[in-house]
N, C-alpha and C. Protein backbone atom coordinates (compact mmCIF):
# COMPACT_ATOMS: atom_id res chain seq x y z
N MET A 1 73.11 5.77 100.20
CA MET A 1 72.17 6.92 100.76
C MET A 1 72.77 7.63 101.72
N TYR A 2 73.17 8.73 101.94
CA TYR A 2 73.47 9.50 103.26
C TYR A 2 72.65 9.38 104.26
N GLU A 3 73.59 9.38 105.54
CA GLU A 3 71.87 9.46 106.39
C GLU A 3 72.83 10.28 107.50
N SER A 4 71.87 10.95 107.91
CA SER A 4 72.49 12.69 108.54
C SER A 4 72.48 12.06 110.05
N LYS A 5 73.23 11.94 111.01
CA LYS A 5 73.38 11.76 112.38
C LYS A 5 72.81 13.14 113.20
N VAL A 6 73.02 14.32 112.41
CA VAL A 6 72.72 15.70 113.38
C VAL A 6 71.37 16.04 112.75
N LEU A 7 70.81 15.24 111.77
CA LEU A 7 69.22 15.52 112.03
C LEU A 7 68.70 14.63 112.87
N GLU A 8 69.31 13.58 113.10
CA GLU A 8 68.71 12.68 114.13
C GLU A 8 68.58 13.00 115.19
N VAL A 9 70.06 13.59 115.52
CA VAL A 9 69.95 13.83 117.08
C VAL A 9 68.92 15.59 117.33
N LEU A 10 68.41 16.34 116.25
CA LEU A 10 67.86 16.97 116.79
C LEU A 10 66.83 17.08 116.63
N ILE A 11 66.19 15.77 115.64
CA ILE A 11 64.79 15.55 115.54
C ILE A 11 64.43 14.57 117.09
N ASN A 12 65.79 13.80 117.62
CA ASN A 12 65.55 13.41 118.90
C ASN A 12 65.29 14.50 120.14
N MET A 13 65.68 15.63 119.81
CA MET A 13 66.32 16.48 120.66
C MET A 13 64.67 17.83 120.26
N SER A 14 64.16 17.30 119.76
CA SER A 14 62.65 18.31 119.16
C SER A 14 62.01 18.61 120.36
N SER A 15 61.74 18.44 121.30
CA SER A 15 60.92 18.11 122.61
C SER A 15 61.84 19.67 123.95
N THR A 16 62.64 19.32 123.87
CA THR A 16 63.80 20.30 124.38
C THR A 16 64.07 21.69 123.72
N LEU A 17 63.90 21.55 122.30
CA LEU A 17 63.85 23.11 121.20
C LEU A 17 62.27 23.17 121.35
N ARG A 18 61.58 22.85 121.66
CA ARG A 18 59.73 23.60 121.58
C ARG A 18 59.88 23.98 123.04
N TRP A 19 60.40 23.06 124.12
CA TRP A 19 60.25 23.72 125.60
C TRP A 19 61.38 25.23 125.90
N ILE A 20 62.63 25.30 124.97
CA ILE A 20 63.10 26.31 125.16
C ILE A 20 62.35 27.68 124.76
N GLU A 21 61.82 27.27 123.47
CA GLU A 21 61.51 28.08 122.35
C GLU A 21 60.18 29.05 123.26
N SER A 22 59.22 27.92 123.85
CA SER A 22 58.12 28.32 124.18
C SER A 22 58.68 29.05 126.03
N ASN A 23 59.97 28.74 126.56
CA ASN A 23 60.19 29.47 127.96
C ASN A 23 61.31 30.20 127.96
N GLN A 24 61.42 30.92 126.79
CA GLN A 24 62.17 32.03 126.81
C GLN A 24 62.18 33.57 127.70
N PRO A 25 63.61 33.84 127.87
CA PRO A 25 64.23 33.56 128.19
C PRO A 25 64.22 32.71 129.80
N VAL A 26 65.37 30.90 129.39
CA VAL A 26 65.18 29.79 130.49
C VAL A 26 66.86 30.16 131.33
N GLU A 27 65.72 29.97 132.53
CA GLU A 27 66.90 30.25 133.46
C GLU A 27 67.84 29.28 133.72
N ARG A 28 68.97 28.81 133.95
CA ARG A 28 69.44 27.84 134.13
C ARG A 28 69.21 26.82 135.02
N LEU A 29 68.60 27.50 136.53
CA LEU A 29 68.39 26.80 137.74
C LEU A 29 66.85 26.53 137.25
N GLY A 30 66.30 26.73 136.60
CA GLY A 30 65.07 26.39 136.52
C GLY A 30 64.56 25.67 135.39
N MET A 31 66.20 24.82 135.31
CA MET A 31 65.44 24.19 133.81
C MET A 31 65.03 22.25 134.25
N PRO A 32 63.81 22.21 133.16
CA PRO A 32 64.08 20.61 134.21
C PRO A 32 64.62 19.55 133.85
N VAL A 33 64.91 19.11 135.05
CA VAL A 33 66.54 17.66 134.87
C VAL A 33 66.43 16.82 133.54
N GLU A 34 65.42 16.57 132.80
CA GLU A 34 65.15 15.78 131.96
C GLU A 34 65.57 16.38 130.47
N HIS A 35 65.77 17.47 130.47
CA HIS A 35 66.58 18.71 129.49
C HIS A 35 67.47 19.15 129.76
N GLY A 36 68.44 18.63 130.71
CA GLY A 36 69.75 18.92 131.21
C GLY A 36 70.23 18.65 130.02
N GLU A 37 71.11 17.06 129.74
CA GLU A 37 71.32 16.30 128.98
C GLU A 37 71.52 16.63 126.89
N ALA A 38 70.08 16.95 127.15
CA ALA A 38 69.67 17.93 125.76
C ALA A 38 70.48 19.01 125.49
N ILE A 39 69.95 20.18 126.31
CA ILE A 39 70.85 21.35 126.31
C ILE A 39 72.16 21.18 126.36
N LYS A 40 72.85 20.22 126.95
CA LYS A 40 74.46 20.24 127.02
C LYS A 40 74.78 20.24 125.47
N ARG A 41 73.98 18.94 125.04
CA ARG A 41 74.88 18.56 123.19
C ARG A 41 73.81 19.94 122.39
N LEU A 42 73.16 20.35 122.84
CA LEU A 42 73.01 21.85 122.06
C LEU A 42 73.84 22.52 122.12
N GLU A 43 74.49 23.05 123.17
CA GLU A 43 75.40 24.02 123.64
C GLU A 43 76.67 23.51 122.88
N ASP A 44 77.35 22.21 122.79
CA ASP A 44 77.97 22.27 121.64
C ASP A 44 78.18 22.24 120.16
N MET A 45 77.10 22.10 119.99
CA MET A 45 76.46 22.54 118.56
C MET A 45 76.05 23.54 118.38
N GLY A 46 76.33 24.74 119.14
CA GLY A 46 76.21 26.11 119.36
C GLY A 46 74.78 26.54 118.51
N ILE A 47 73.60 26.10 119.16
CA ILE A 47 72.09 26.20 118.95
C ILE A 47 71.58 26.59 120.05
N VAL A 48 72.26 26.41 121.32
CA VAL A 48 71.15 27.04 122.37
C VAL A 48 73.02 27.87 122.91
N THR A 49 72.86 28.99 123.72
CA THR A 49 73.71 29.53 123.87
C THR A 49 73.49 30.02 125.55
N ARG A 50 74.97 30.49 126.32
CA ARG A 50 74.50 30.83 127.29
C ARG A 50 74.49 32.58 127.20
N ARG A 51 73.86 33.55 128.32
CA ARG A 51 73.34 34.54 128.22
C ARG A 51 74.03 35.11 130.10
N CYS A 52 74.66 35.89 130.31
CA CYS A 52 74.78 36.05 131.70
C CYS A 52 74.77 34.86 132.60
N HIS A 53 75.58 33.67 131.91
CA HIS A 53 75.79 32.44 132.73
C HIS A 53 74.61 31.59 133.16
N ARG A 54 73.43 32.28 133.58
CA ARG A 54 72.24 31.82 134.16
C ARG A 54 70.94 31.71 133.04
N GLN A 55 71.37 32.49 132.07
CA GLN A 55 70.27 32.18 130.28
C GLN A 55 70.16 31.40 130.21
N LEU A 56 69.70 30.74 128.99
CA LEU A 56 69.79 30.29 127.73
C LEU A 56 69.29 30.91 127.36
N SER A 57 69.81 30.92 125.46
CA SER A 57 68.89 31.73 124.40
C SER A 57 69.05 30.34 123.11
N LEU A 58 68.07 30.40 123.07
CA LEU A 58 68.12 29.30 121.64
C LEU A 58 68.06 30.49 120.69
N GLN A 59 69.35 29.37 119.59
CA GLN A 59 69.58 30.59 118.43
C GLN A 59 69.10 30.17 117.09
N LYS A 60 68.01 30.52 116.88
CA LYS A 60 67.03 29.83 115.63
C LYS A 60 67.65 30.04 114.09
N GLN A 61 68.44 31.18 113.93
CA GLN A 61 68.84 30.99 112.80
C GLN A 61 70.07 29.53 112.45
N ARG A 62 71.02 29.61 113.22
CA ARG A 62 71.81 28.72 113.57
C ARG A 62 70.90 27.09 113.49
N LEU A 63 70.11 27.16 114.17
CA LEU A 63 69.51 25.67 113.81
C LEU A 63 68.93 25.79 112.50
N HIS A 64 68.03 26.70 112.01
CA HIS A 64 67.36 26.51 111.02
C HIS A 64 68.82 26.46 109.80
N GLN A 65 69.75 27.23 109.67
CA GLN A 65 70.87 26.60 108.44
C GLN A 65 71.33 25.25 108.83
N LEU A 66 71.57 24.37 110.23
CA LEU A 66 71.69 23.08 110.13
C LEU A 66 70.98 22.14 109.52
N ILE A 67 69.76 22.47 109.72
CA ILE A 67 68.47 22.08 109.65
C ILE A 67 68.40 22.03 107.85
N ARG A 68 68.73 22.87 107.11
CA ARG A 68 68.51 23.25 105.86
C ARG A 68 69.57 22.64 105.33
N ARG A 69 70.87 22.92 105.53
CA ARG A 69 72.33 21.91 105.48
C ARG A 69 71.94 20.71 105.03
N GLU A 70 71.58 20.10 106.42
CA GLU A 70 71.36 18.53 106.57
C GLU A 70 70.35 18.02 105.59
N LEU A 71 69.14 18.57 105.14
CA LEU A 71 68.26 18.25 104.42
C LEU A 71 68.86 18.56 103.25
N VAL A 72 69.65 19.00 102.33
CA VAL A 72 69.99 19.11 101.34
C VAL A 72 70.92 17.57 100.98
N ARG A 73 71.18 17.00 102.14
CA ARG A 73 71.83 15.93 101.76
C ARG A 73 71.36 14.65 102.09
N CYS A 74 70.30 14.83 102.76
CA CYS A 74 69.18 13.88 103.53
C CYS A 74 67.86 14.43 103.44
N PRO A 75 67.37 14.58 101.61
CA PRO A 75 65.87 14.93 101.82
C PRO A 75 64.86 13.70 102.18
N ARG A 76 65.27 12.45 103.04
CA ARG A 76 64.23 11.85 102.92
C ARG A 76 63.43 11.91 104.58
N LEU A 77 64.11 12.65 105.02
CA LEU A 77 63.64 13.01 106.85
C LEU A 77 62.91 14.37 106.41
N LYS A 78 62.62 15.12 105.39
CA LYS A 78 62.11 16.18 105.34
C LYS A 78 60.76 16.31 106.08
N GLU A 79 60.26 15.53 105.50
CA GLU A 79 58.55 15.29 106.14
C GLU A 79 58.48 15.37 107.84
N ARG A 80 59.26 14.20 107.87
CA ARG A 80 59.76 14.28 109.52
C ARG A 80 60.45 15.55 110.61
N CYS A 81 60.98 16.49 109.26
CA CYS A 81 61.57 17.73 110.51
C CYS A 81 60.63 18.62 110.07
N ILE A 82 59.59 18.49 109.13
CA ILE A 82 58.50 19.16 108.69
C ILE A 82 57.72 18.88 110.46
N SER A 83 57.10 17.82 110.59
CA SER A 83 56.36 17.71 111.20
C SER A 83 56.81 17.62 113.03
N GLU A 84 58.57 17.79 112.90
CA GLU A 84 59.07 17.91 114.34
C GLU A 84 59.22 19.82 114.81
N PHE A 85 59.73 20.52 114.10
CA PHE A 85 60.17 21.79 114.17
C PHE A 85 59.09 22.99 113.66
N SER A 86 57.96 22.59 113.05
CA SER A 86 56.75 23.44 112.64
C SER A 86 56.48 24.06 113.84
N ALA A 87 56.39 24.15 114.53
CA ALA A 87 56.15 25.00 115.96
C ALA A 87 57.43 25.96 116.14
N LEU A 88 58.45 25.98 115.67
CA LEU A 88 59.80 26.61 115.45
C LEU A 88 59.42 27.59 114.25
N PHE A 89 59.88 26.95 112.98
CA PHE A 89 59.85 27.35 111.59
C PHE A 89 58.55 27.41 110.69
N GLU A 90 58.36 27.98 109.89
CA GLU A 90 57.32 28.06 108.84
C GLU A 90 57.48 26.84 108.16
N PRO A 91 56.82 25.91 108.21
CA PRO A 91 57.16 24.69 107.27
C PRO A 91 57.92 24.80 105.94
N THR A 92 57.32 26.38 105.15
CA THR A 92 57.70 26.10 103.87
C THR A 92 59.05 26.91 103.88
N THR A 93 59.76 27.24 105.27
CA THR A 93 61.45 27.57 104.87
C THR A 93 62.63 26.05 105.07
N LEU A 94 61.75 24.90 105.23
CA LEU A 94 62.41 24.43 105.19
C LEU A 94 62.83 22.96 104.52
């Protein structure tokens, strides 16, 4: 069975994703230290982008596309994704 490393990473970073969503726009200097590494990784994945070199923005469409693509490959994580990302998306869209 296919294991999705992308989904595992996203699930592990779901608290950071929820924090970004609830605090938009996020000032880079006002960001809590515990989210620093996760935000760097999310930037590498194209889910978080920088605006004006100081503000961070969540790219929900990119995140949604990644989750949906990986759930096709690894459907066993669907319930877990729904519980982790229900604050960001409607559960029926996953």
